[in-house]
Amino acid sequence: MSTENGASNGQEPPPLPALGALMMDLSHDRVGEFRGEWCGQWSLRPLGGGVEWTVAPEDVRPADPIQRLRAELARANRRSRGELL
């Protein structure tokens, strides 16, 4: 049986991160910006824009410092190549 907040296992869902927080999607092994929650799924998008994807909250954790640095460096490299404005 499901509860009002969508949790079916009796556990509270994780708290929502701040919009734009960098999160590590463990199921896809990639970092994305948190964009929001819909129907129990979290929306992430690549750093600097792009197509959003959804992931279960239990498969996401805050990006650690090295993951943040790698994602920000990749964004800077794309921008220097003219792929991002």
N, C-alpha and C. Protein backbone atom coordinates (compact mmCIF):
# COMPACT_ATOMS: atom_id res chain seq x y z
N MET A 1 0.84 -1.18 0.00
CA MET A 1 0.00 0.00 0.00
C MET A 1 0.88 1.24 0.00
N SER A 2 0.53 2.22 -0.78
CA SER A 2 1.32 3.44 -0.91
C SER A 2 0.78 4.51 0.03
N THR A 3 1.70 5.33 0.55
CA THR A 3 1.30 6.44 1.39
C THR A 3 1.08 7.68 0.54
N GLU A 4 0.64 8.75 1.18
CA GLU A 4 0.36 9.98 0.44
C GLU A 4 1.57 10.50 -0.31
N ASN A 5 2.76 10.39 0.28
CA ASN A 5 3.95 10.95 -0.36
C ASN A 5 4.59 9.98 -1.35
N GLY A 6 3.98 8.84 -1.59
CA GLY A 6 4.46 7.92 -2.60
C GLY A 6 5.38 6.84 -2.04
N ALA A 7 5.76 6.91 -0.78
CA ALA A 7 6.63 5.89 -0.20
C ALA A 7 5.82 4.65 0.09
N SER A 8 6.23 3.51 -0.44
CA SER A 8 5.48 2.28 -0.23
C SER A 8 6.17 1.35 0.76
N ASN A 9 7.41 1.64 1.16
CA ASN A 9 8.13 0.75 2.04
C ASN A 9 8.15 1.23 3.48
N GLY A 10 7.37 2.23 3.82
CA GLY A 10 7.29 2.72 5.18
C GLY A 10 8.39 3.70 5.55
N GLN A 11 9.34 3.92 4.67
CA GLN A 11 10.42 4.87 4.93
C GLN A 11 10.07 6.23 4.35
N GLU A 12 10.57 7.27 5.01
CA GLU A 12 10.37 8.62 4.50
C GLU A 12 11.24 8.82 3.26
N PRO A 13 10.73 9.52 2.26
CA PRO A 13 11.56 9.82 1.10
C PRO A 13 12.67 10.79 1.50
N PRO A 14 13.79 10.78 0.78
CA PRO A 14 14.86 11.71 1.12
C PRO A 14 14.40 13.15 0.91
N PRO A 15 14.97 14.09 1.66
CA PRO A 15 14.59 15.49 1.47
C PRO A 15 15.03 15.98 0.09
N LEU A 16 14.25 16.89 -0.46
CA LEU A 16 14.59 17.44 -1.78
C LEU A 16 15.80 18.35 -1.67
N PRO A 17 16.76 18.21 -2.58
CA PRO A 17 17.90 19.12 -2.60
C PRO A 17 17.46 20.48 -3.13
N ALA A 18 18.31 21.48 -2.97
CA ALA A 18 18.04 22.81 -3.53
C ALA A 18 18.10 22.73 -5.05
N LEU A 19 17.28 23.56 -5.71
CA LEU A 19 17.33 23.63 -7.17
C LEU A 19 18.74 23.99 -7.61
N GLY A 20 19.25 23.27 -8.60
CA GLY A 20 20.59 23.54 -9.11
C GLY A 20 21.70 22.80 -8.38
N ALA A 21 21.36 22.10 -7.28
CA ALA A 21 22.38 21.34 -6.55
C ALA A 21 22.94 20.25 -7.44
N LEU A 22 24.24 20.03 -7.37
CA LEU A 22 24.86 18.98 -8.17
C LEU A 22 24.70 17.65 -7.46
N MET A 23 24.12 16.70 -8.18
CA MET A 23 23.80 15.39 -7.63
C MET A 23 24.44 14.31 -8.49
N MET A 24 24.85 13.23 -7.86
CA MET A 24 25.42 12.08 -8.56
C MET A 24 24.33 11.04 -8.77
N ASP A 25 24.05 10.74 -10.02
CA ASP A 25 23.08 9.70 -10.37
C ASP A 25 23.84 8.38 -10.43
N LEU A 26 23.67 7.55 -9.43
CA LEU A 26 24.41 6.30 -9.33
C LEU A 26 23.97 5.29 -10.39
N SER A 27 22.72 5.37 -10.84
CA SER A 27 22.23 4.41 -11.83
C SER A 27 22.79 4.69 -13.23
N HIS A 28 23.16 5.94 -13.51
CA HIS A 28 23.73 6.30 -14.82
C HIS A 28 25.19 6.74 -14.71
N ASP A 29 25.72 6.77 -13.49
CA ASP A 29 27.10 7.17 -13.23
C ASP A 29 27.43 8.53 -13.87
N ARG A 30 26.56 9.52 -13.56
CA ARG A 30 26.79 10.87 -14.09
C ARG A 30 26.27 11.91 -13.13
N VAL A 31 26.83 13.10 -13.25
CA VAL A 31 26.45 14.22 -12.39
C VAL A 31 25.45 15.09 -13.12
N GLY A 32 24.44 15.56 -12.41
CA GLY A 32 23.45 16.46 -12.99
C GLY A 32 22.99 17.48 -11.98
N GLU A 33 22.41 18.55 -12.49
CA GLU A 33 21.81 19.58 -11.64
C GLU A 33 20.40 19.13 -11.28
N PHE A 34 20.05 19.24 -10.00
CA PHE A 34 18.70 18.90 -9.57
C PHE A 34 17.73 19.95 -10.11
N ARG A 35 16.65 19.50 -10.76
CA ARG A 35 15.67 20.41 -11.37
C ARG A 35 14.30 20.32 -10.72
N GLY A 36 14.03 19.26 -9.96
CA GLY A 36 12.74 19.15 -9.31
C GLY A 36 12.30 17.71 -9.15
N GLU A 37 11.09 17.55 -8.59
CA GLU A 37 10.53 16.23 -8.34
C GLU A 37 9.15 16.16 -8.97
N TRP A 38 8.83 15.01 -9.55
CA TRP A 38 7.51 14.81 -10.14
C TRP A 38 7.18 13.33 -10.04
N CYS A 39 6.05 13.03 -9.45
CA CYS A 39 5.56 11.65 -9.32
C CYS A 39 6.59 10.73 -8.67
N GLY A 40 7.30 11.22 -7.68
CA GLY A 40 8.26 10.40 -6.97
C GLY A 40 9.61 10.24 -7.64
N GLN A 41 9.78 10.80 -8.80
CA GLN A 41 11.06 10.75 -9.51
C GLN A 41 11.73 12.13 -9.46
N TRP A 42 13.05 12.14 -9.42
CA TRP A 42 13.79 13.41 -9.44
C TRP A 42 14.28 13.68 -10.84
N SER A 43 14.22 14.94 -11.23
CA SER A 43 14.68 15.38 -12.54
C SER A 43 16.07 15.97 -12.41
N LEU A 44 16.99 15.50 -13.22
CA LEU A 44 18.35 16.04 -13.29
C LEU A 44 18.63 16.44 -14.73
N ARG A 45 19.56 17.37 -14.90
CA ARG A 45 19.98 17.70 -16.26
C ARG A 45 21.48 17.91 -16.26
N PRO A 46 22.11 17.75 -17.41
CA PRO A 46 23.55 17.94 -17.48
C PRO A 46 23.94 19.36 -17.05
N LEU A 47 25.11 19.48 -16.50
CA LEU A 47 25.61 20.78 -16.10
C LEU A 47 25.68 21.69 -17.32
N GLY A 48 25.11 22.85 -17.23
CA GLY A 48 25.13 23.80 -18.34
C GLY A 48 23.99 23.63 -19.32
N GLY A 49 23.05 22.75 -19.03
CA GLY A 49 21.89 22.59 -19.91
C GLY A 49 21.91 21.27 -20.66
N GLY A 50 20.84 21.01 -21.31
CA GLY A 50 20.71 19.76 -22.06
C GLY A 50 19.41 19.06 -21.69
N VAL A 51 19.28 17.86 -22.16
CA VAL A 51 18.06 17.07 -21.95
C VAL A 51 18.03 16.52 -20.52
N GLU A 52 16.94 16.79 -19.83
CA GLU A 52 16.76 16.28 -18.47
C GLU A 52 16.48 14.79 -18.51
N TRP A 53 16.81 14.13 -17.40
CA TRP A 53 16.44 12.73 -17.23
C TRP A 53 15.88 12.55 -15.83
N THR A 54 15.16 11.47 -15.62
CA THR A 54 14.57 11.22 -14.31
C THR A 54 15.26 10.02 -13.67
N VAL A 55 15.26 10.05 -12.36
CA VAL A 55 15.91 8.98 -11.61
C VAL A 55 15.19 8.83 -10.27
N ALA A 56 15.20 7.63 -9.74
CA ALA A 56 14.61 7.39 -8.42
C ALA A 56 15.48 8.05 -7.35
N PRO A 57 14.87 8.69 -6.37
CA PRO A 57 15.65 9.39 -5.33
C PRO A 57 16.65 8.50 -4.61
N GLU A 58 16.36 7.21 -4.47
CA GLU A 58 17.30 6.33 -3.78
C GLU A 58 18.57 6.05 -4.59
N ASP A 59 18.56 6.42 -5.88
CA ASP A 59 19.74 6.24 -6.74
C ASP A 59 20.54 7.52 -6.89
N VAL A 60 20.27 8.51 -6.04
CA VAL A 60 20.94 9.81 -6.16
C VAL A 60 21.55 10.19 -4.81
N ARG A 61 22.71 10.81 -4.87
CA ARG A 61 23.33 11.37 -3.67
C ARG A 61 24.05 12.66 -4.08
N PRO A 62 24.36 13.52 -3.13
CA PRO A 62 25.10 14.74 -3.48
C PRO A 62 26.45 14.38 -4.10
N ALA A 63 26.83 15.13 -5.11
CA ALA A 63 28.13 14.92 -5.76
C ALA A 63 29.24 15.28 -4.78
N ASP A 64 30.28 14.45 -4.75
CA ASP A 64 31.41 14.78 -3.88
C ASP A 64 32.30 15.81 -4.60
N PRO A 65 33.26 16.41 -3.91
CA PRO A 65 34.06 17.50 -4.52
C PRO A 65 34.74 17.13 -5.84
N ILE A 66 35.29 15.93 -5.97
CA ILE A 66 35.96 15.57 -7.22
C ILE A 66 34.96 15.41 -8.36
N GLN A 67 33.78 14.88 -8.06
CA GLN A 67 32.75 14.75 -9.10
C GLN A 67 32.26 16.12 -9.54
N ARG A 68 32.13 17.04 -8.60
CA ARG A 68 31.73 18.42 -8.93
C ARG A 68 32.78 19.06 -9.83
N LEU A 69 34.04 18.90 -9.47
CA LEU A 69 35.13 19.49 -10.24
C LEU A 69 35.17 18.93 -11.66
N ARG A 70 35.03 17.61 -11.79
CA ARG A 70 35.03 16.99 -13.12
C ARG A 70 33.88 17.51 -13.98
N ALA A 71 32.68 17.61 -13.40
CA ALA A 71 31.51 18.08 -14.14
C ALA A 71 31.70 19.54 -14.56
N GLU A 72 32.21 20.37 -13.66
CA GLU A 72 32.42 21.78 -13.99
C GLU A 72 33.52 21.96 -15.02
N LEU A 73 34.57 21.14 -14.96
CA LEU A 73 35.64 21.19 -15.95
C LEU A 73 35.13 20.75 -17.33
N ALA A 74 34.31 19.71 -17.37
CA ALA A 74 33.74 19.26 -18.64
C ALA A 74 32.88 20.36 -19.25
N ARG A 75 32.11 21.06 -18.41
CA ARG A 75 31.29 22.17 -18.90
C ARG A 75 32.17 23.28 -19.45
N ALA A 76 33.23 23.63 -18.75
CA ALA A 76 34.15 24.68 -19.22
C ALA A 76 34.79 24.28 -20.54
N ASN A 77 35.16 23.02 -20.69
CA ASN A 77 35.76 22.56 -21.95
C ASN A 77 34.76 22.64 -23.09
N ARG A 78 33.49 22.24 -22.85
CA ARG A 78 32.47 22.35 -23.90
C ARG A 78 32.27 23.80 -24.30
N ARG A 79 32.28 24.68 -23.31
CA ARG A 79 32.09 26.09 -23.60
C ARG A 79 33.26 26.65 -24.41
N SER A 80 34.49 26.26 -24.09
CA SER A 80 35.65 26.76 -24.82
C SER A 80 35.67 26.26 -26.27
N ARG A 81 35.04 25.10 -26.51
CA ARG A 81 34.95 24.57 -27.88
C ARG A 81 33.78 25.16 -28.64
N GLY A 82 32.99 26.00 -27.98
CA GLY A 82 31.84 26.62 -28.63
C GLY A 82 30.59 25.78 -28.62
N GLU A 83 30.57 24.71 -27.85
CA GLU A 83 29.41 23.84 -27.79
C GLU A 83 28.33 24.42 -26.87
N LEU A 84 28.71 25.30 -25.95
CA LEU A 84 27.78 25.96 -25.05
C LEU A 84 27.98 27.46 -25.15
N LEU A 85 26.92 28.22 -24.99
CA LEU A 85 27.05 29.68 -24.98
C LEU A 85 27.15 30.19 -23.57
